[in-house]
Amino acid sequence: MKKIGKKAFIFGIGKLVIFVLVLILLFFLIKNSWNINDAFNSLLTLLRIK
């Protein structure tokens, strides 16, 4: 691949990862009655960061 193609591929994968994390966060927000703290705690627990 050319350098421009590699950059586009990396940025595309990055956007996809961010989009998936936003969807998961939205799911947890709806599940926790729009409580932001509980949603972030659930997301961090899912990612095993907390």
Protein backbone atom coordinates (compact mmCIF):
# COMPACT_ATOMS: atom_id res chain seq x y z
CA MET A 1 0.00 0.00 0.00
CA LYS A 2 1.06 3.56 -0.53
CA LYS A 3 1.64 5.85 2.45
CA ILE A 4 -1.60 7.75 1.83
CA GLY A 5 -3.51 4.48 1.73
CA LYS A 6 -1.96 3.33 5.02
CA LYS A 7 -2.85 6.63 6.72
CA ALA A 8 -6.41 6.44 5.43
CA PHE A 9 -6.70 2.84 6.64
CA ILE A 10 -5.36 3.70 10.12
CA PHE A 11 -7.65 6.72 10.46
CA GLY A 12 -10.60 4.61 9.25
CA ILE A 13 -9.90 1.96 11.88
CA GLY A 14 -9.54 4.69 14.53
CA LYS A 15 -12.89 6.21 13.58
CA LEU A 16 -14.51 2.76 13.70
CA VAL A 17 -13.14 2.09 17.20
CA ILE A 18 -14.36 5.48 18.45
CA PHE A 19 -17.78 4.88 16.86
CA VAL A 20 -18.12 1.48 18.56
CA LEU A 21 -17.12 2.95 21.95
CA VAL A 22 -19.70 5.72 21.55
CA LEU A 23 -22.41 3.16 20.73
CA ILE A 24 -21.51 1.09 23.79
CA LEU A 25 -21.54 4.22 25.97
CA LEU A 26 -24.94 5.18 24.57
CA PHE A 27 -26.24 1.69 25.39
CA PHE A 28 -25.01 2.02 28.98
CA LEU A 29 -26.50 5.53 29.25
CA ILE A 30 -29.91 4.23 28.23
CA LYS A 31 -29.55 1.18 30.50
CA ASN A 32 -28.64 3.35 33.52
CA SER A 33 -31.43 5.90 32.98
CA TRP A 34 -29.05 8.52 31.52
CA ASN A 35 -26.85 8.54 34.62
CA ILE A 36 -23.45 9.49 33.22
CA ASN A 37 -21.36 8.30 36.18
CA ASP A 38 -22.93 4.84 36.20
CA ALA A 39 -22.59 4.58 32.42
CA PHE A 40 -18.86 5.41 32.51
CA ASN A 41 -18.34 2.98 35.40
CA SER A 42 -20.09 0.23 33.43
CA LEU A 43 -18.03 1.02 30.34
CA LEU A 44 -14.77 1.00 32.29
CA THR A 45 -15.74 -2.27 33.94
CA LEU A 46 -16.52 -3.76 30.53
CA LEU A 47 -13.09 -2.66 29.24
CA ARG A 48 -11.51 -3.95 32.48
CA ILE A 49 -9.83 -0.62 33.18
CA LYS A 50 -11.51 -0.23 36.54
